[in-house]
């Protein structure tokens, strides 16, 4: 049995707040950090999509994006940007 979904939302928000620069988060959602209140919102999705677009340890481009959304622009990949 796993933890409640609340913990997943809080953990993801905390990770994204530490992994994505505050200035980038602010451009995406108008705040310097994602709230860590455990509520799934479009803010979490937008910053997560930005992180996926840019995160690639040791690789010049994100492998996930290259495999599933190769021809997409940033605006197409990140909801609401």
N, C-alpha and C. Protein backbone atom coordinates (compact mmCIF):
# COMPACT_ATOMS: atom_id res chain seq x y z
N UNK A 1 0.84 -1.18 0.00
CA UNK A 1 0.00 0.00 0.00
C UNK A 1 0.89 1.24 0.00
N UNK A 2 0.61 2.15 -0.88
CA UNK A 2 1.41 3.36 -1.01
C UNK A 2 0.88 4.50 -0.17
N UNK A 3 1.55 5.60 -0.29
CA UNK A 3 1.14 6.81 0.41
C UNK A 3 -0.01 7.48 -0.33
N UNK A 4 -0.79 8.30 0.38
CA UNK A 4 -1.88 9.02 -0.29
C UNK A 4 -1.35 9.93 -1.40
N UNK A 5 -2.23 10.23 -2.33
CA UNK A 5 -1.87 11.06 -3.48
C UNK A 5 -1.35 12.44 -3.05
N UNK A 6 -1.83 12.93 -1.94
CA UNK A 6 -1.38 14.21 -1.41
C UNK A 6 0.14 14.26 -1.31
N UNK A 7 0.74 13.18 -0.83
CA UNK A 7 2.20 13.14 -0.67
C UNK A 7 2.91 13.16 -2.02
N UNK A 8 2.31 12.55 -3.02
CA UNK A 8 2.91 12.58 -4.36
C UNK A 8 2.93 14.00 -4.90
N UNK A 9 1.82 14.72 -4.75
CA UNK A 9 1.75 16.09 -5.25
C UNK A 9 2.73 16.99 -4.51
N UNK A 10 2.82 16.84 -3.19
CA UNK A 10 3.76 17.64 -2.40
C UNK A 10 5.19 17.32 -2.79
N UNK A 11 5.51 16.04 -2.92
CA UNK A 11 6.88 15.63 -3.26
C UNK A 11 7.28 16.13 -4.64
N UNK A 12 6.39 16.02 -5.61
CA UNK A 12 6.70 16.50 -6.96
C UNK A 12 6.90 18.02 -6.96
N UNK A 13 6.02 18.74 -6.28
CA UNK A 13 6.15 20.20 -6.23
C UNK A 13 7.48 20.59 -5.58
N UNK A 14 7.84 19.93 -4.49
CA UNK A 14 9.12 20.24 -3.83
C UNK A 14 10.30 19.96 -4.76
N UNK A 15 10.24 18.82 -5.44
CA UNK A 15 11.34 18.50 -6.35
C UNK A 15 11.45 19.54 -7.47
N UNK A 16 10.33 19.88 -8.07
CA UNK A 16 10.37 20.85 -9.16
C UNK A 16 10.85 22.22 -8.67
N UNK A 17 10.43 22.61 -7.47
CA UNK A 17 10.89 23.89 -6.90
C UNK A 17 12.40 23.90 -6.71
N UNK A 18 12.97 22.75 -6.43
CA UNK A 18 14.42 22.70 -6.23
C UNK A 18 15.18 22.49 -7.54
N UNK A 19 14.53 21.90 -8.54
CA UNK A 19 15.21 21.57 -9.80
C UNK A 19 15.09 22.65 -10.87
N UNK A 20 14.04 23.46 -10.80
CA UNK A 20 13.80 24.48 -11.82
C UNK A 20 14.05 25.86 -11.19
N UNK A 21 14.82 26.71 -11.84
CA UNK A 21 15.09 28.04 -11.28
C UNK A 21 13.80 28.83 -11.03
N UNK A 22 13.78 29.58 -9.94
CA UNK A 22 12.60 30.37 -9.57
C UNK A 22 12.18 31.32 -10.69
N UNK A 23 13.14 31.89 -11.39
CA UNK A 23 12.82 32.82 -12.48
C UNK A 23 12.05 32.11 -13.59
N UNK A 24 12.39 30.87 -13.89
CA UNK A 24 11.69 30.10 -14.92
C UNK A 24 10.28 29.74 -14.45
N UNK A 25 10.17 29.33 -13.18
CA UNK A 25 8.85 29.01 -12.63
C UNK A 25 7.96 30.24 -12.71
N UNK A 26 8.52 31.41 -12.39
CA UNK A 26 7.75 32.64 -12.42
C UNK A 26 7.25 32.95 -13.82
N UNK A 27 8.07 32.71 -14.83
CA UNK A 27 7.63 32.93 -16.22
C UNK A 27 6.47 32.00 -16.56
N UNK A 28 6.52 30.78 -16.07
CA UNK A 28 5.50 29.78 -16.41
C UNK A 28 4.19 29.99 -15.66
N UNK A 29 4.26 30.28 -14.35
CA UNK A 29 3.03 30.30 -13.54
C UNK A 29 2.80 31.62 -12.80
N UNK A 30 3.73 32.58 -12.92
CA UNK A 30 3.54 33.87 -12.26
C UNK A 30 3.89 33.87 -10.78
N UNK A 31 4.53 32.83 -10.31
CA UNK A 31 4.98 32.72 -8.92
C UNK A 31 6.39 32.15 -8.95
N UNK A 32 7.16 32.42 -7.88
CA UNK A 32 8.53 31.91 -7.83
C UNK A 32 8.62 30.44 -7.48
N UNK A 33 7.55 29.89 -6.88
CA UNK A 33 7.53 28.48 -6.52
C UNK A 33 6.13 27.92 -6.71
N UNK A 34 6.08 26.61 -6.92
CA UNK A 34 4.81 25.90 -6.95
C UNK A 34 4.37 25.73 -5.50
N UNK A 35 3.11 26.02 -5.17
CA UNK A 35 2.65 25.76 -3.80
C UNK A 35 2.81 24.28 -3.45
N UNK A 36 3.21 24.01 -2.23
CA UNK A 36 3.38 22.62 -1.77
C UNK A 36 2.23 22.23 -0.85
N UNK A 37 1.01 22.52 -1.31
CA UNK A 37 -0.18 22.24 -0.51
C UNK A 37 -0.80 20.88 -0.83
N UNK A 38 -0.21 20.15 -1.76
CA UNK A 38 -0.71 18.82 -2.08
C UNK A 38 -1.83 18.79 -3.10
N UNK A 39 -2.14 19.93 -3.69
CA UNK A 39 -3.21 20.01 -4.68
C UNK A 39 -2.60 19.92 -6.07
N UNK A 40 -3.15 19.01 -6.90
CA UNK A 40 -2.70 18.90 -8.29
C UNK A 40 -3.31 20.06 -9.06
N UNK A 41 -2.48 20.90 -9.64
CA UNK A 41 -2.97 22.03 -10.42
C UNK A 41 -2.24 22.10 -11.75
N UNK A 42 -2.72 22.97 -12.62
CA UNK A 42 -2.04 23.16 -13.90
C UNK A 42 -0.64 23.71 -13.69
N UNK A 43 -0.40 24.38 -12.56
CA UNK A 43 0.94 24.89 -12.27
C UNK A 43 1.95 23.75 -12.19
N UNK A 44 1.58 22.67 -11.52
CA UNK A 44 2.48 21.52 -11.42
C UNK A 44 2.74 20.95 -12.81
N UNK A 45 1.69 20.81 -13.61
CA UNK A 45 1.86 20.23 -14.95
C UNK A 45 2.77 21.09 -15.83
N UNK A 46 2.56 22.40 -15.80
CA UNK A 46 3.38 23.29 -16.64
C UNK A 46 4.85 23.22 -16.27
N UNK A 47 5.14 23.29 -14.97
CA UNK A 47 6.54 23.27 -14.55
C UNK A 47 7.13 21.89 -14.79
N UNK A 48 6.35 20.83 -14.61
CA UNK A 48 6.83 19.47 -14.90
C UNK A 48 7.17 19.34 -16.38
N UNK A 49 6.30 19.84 -17.25
CA UNK A 49 6.55 19.76 -18.68
C UNK A 49 7.80 20.56 -19.06
N UNK A 50 7.97 21.71 -18.45
CA UNK A 50 9.19 22.50 -18.68
C UNK A 50 10.42 21.69 -18.26
N UNK A 51 10.35 21.06 -17.09
CA UNK A 51 11.47 20.27 -16.57
C UNK A 51 11.79 19.11 -17.52
N UNK A 52 10.77 18.42 -18.00
CA UNK A 52 10.99 17.31 -18.94
C UNK A 52 11.63 17.83 -20.22
N UNK A 53 11.17 18.98 -20.69
CA UNK A 53 11.71 19.56 -21.92
C UNK A 53 13.20 19.85 -21.78
N UNK A 54 13.61 20.28 -20.61
CA UNK A 54 14.98 20.74 -20.40
C UNK A 54 15.90 19.77 -19.66
N UNK A 55 15.38 18.85 -18.91
CA UNK A 55 16.21 17.99 -18.06
C UNK A 55 16.77 16.83 -18.84
N UNK A 56 18.06 16.69 -18.78
CA UNK A 56 18.72 15.57 -19.44
C UNK A 56 20.13 15.43 -18.89
N UNK A 57 20.31 14.60 -17.85
CA UNK A 57 21.66 14.46 -17.30
C UNK A 57 22.61 13.85 -18.32
N UNK A 58 23.65 14.59 -18.66
CA UNK A 58 24.65 14.08 -19.58
C UNK A 58 24.25 14.05 -21.04
N UNK A 59 23.11 14.63 -21.37
CA UNK A 59 22.65 14.62 -22.76
C UNK A 59 22.33 16.05 -23.19
N UNK A 60 22.62 16.40 -24.44
CA UNK A 60 22.33 17.76 -24.88
C UNK A 60 20.83 18.03 -25.01
N UNK A 61 20.05 17.00 -25.25
CA UNK A 61 18.59 17.17 -25.35
C UNK A 61 17.91 16.05 -24.58
N UNK A 62 16.71 16.32 -24.14
CA UNK A 62 15.95 15.34 -23.36
C UNK A 62 15.53 14.16 -24.23
N UNK A 63 15.91 12.98 -23.84
CA UNK A 63 15.57 11.78 -24.59
C UNK A 63 14.07 11.53 -24.63
N UNK A 64 13.37 11.79 -23.52
CA UNK A 64 11.92 11.56 -23.48
C UNK A 64 11.23 12.42 -24.52
N UNK A 65 11.56 13.70 -24.54
CA UNK A 65 10.94 14.59 -25.52
C UNK A 65 11.29 14.16 -26.93
N UNK A 66 12.54 13.77 -27.16
CA UNK A 66 12.97 13.36 -28.50
C UNK A 66 12.21 12.12 -28.97
N UNK A 67 11.91 11.22 -28.05
CA UNK A 67 11.21 9.99 -28.45
C UNK A 67 9.73 10.22 -28.71
N UNK A 68 9.09 11.08 -27.91
CA UNK A 68 7.63 11.18 -27.98
C UNK A 68 7.10 12.47 -28.60
N UNK A 69 7.91 13.49 -28.69
CA UNK A 69 7.42 14.78 -29.20
C UNK A 69 8.51 15.48 -30.01
N UNK A 70 9.18 14.74 -30.82
CA UNK A 70 10.34 15.24 -31.56
C UNK A 70 10.05 16.51 -32.36
N UNK A 71 8.94 16.59 -33.03
CA UNK A 71 8.66 17.72 -33.91
C UNK A 71 7.93 18.87 -33.21
N UNK A 72 7.62 18.71 -31.94
CA UNK A 72 6.85 19.74 -31.24
C UNK A 72 7.73 20.92 -30.85
N UNK A 73 7.12 22.11 -30.85
CA UNK A 73 7.79 23.30 -30.32
C UNK A 73 7.58 23.33 -28.81
N UNK A 74 8.32 24.20 -28.14
CA UNK A 74 8.17 24.36 -26.70
C UNK A 74 6.73 24.73 -26.34
N UNK A 75 6.13 25.65 -27.10
CA UNK A 75 4.75 26.07 -26.83
C UNK A 75 3.75 24.93 -27.00
N UNK A 76 4.00 24.02 -27.90
CA UNK A 76 3.12 22.87 -28.08
C UNK A 76 3.31 21.85 -26.96
N UNK A 77 4.52 21.73 -26.46
CA UNK A 77 4.83 20.73 -25.45
C UNK A 77 4.36 21.13 -24.06
N UNK A 78 4.48 22.42 -23.72
CA UNK A 78 4.10 22.89 -22.39
C UNK A 78 2.72 23.53 -22.47
N UNK A 79 1.76 22.96 -21.76
CA UNK A 79 0.38 23.44 -21.78
C UNK A 79 0.27 24.90 -21.36
N UNK A 80 -0.45 25.67 -22.13
CA UNK A 80 -0.78 27.03 -21.74
C UNK A 80 0.32 28.05 -21.85
N UNK A 81 1.41 27.72 -22.51
CA UNK A 81 2.50 28.70 -22.65
C UNK A 81 2.36 29.40 -23.98
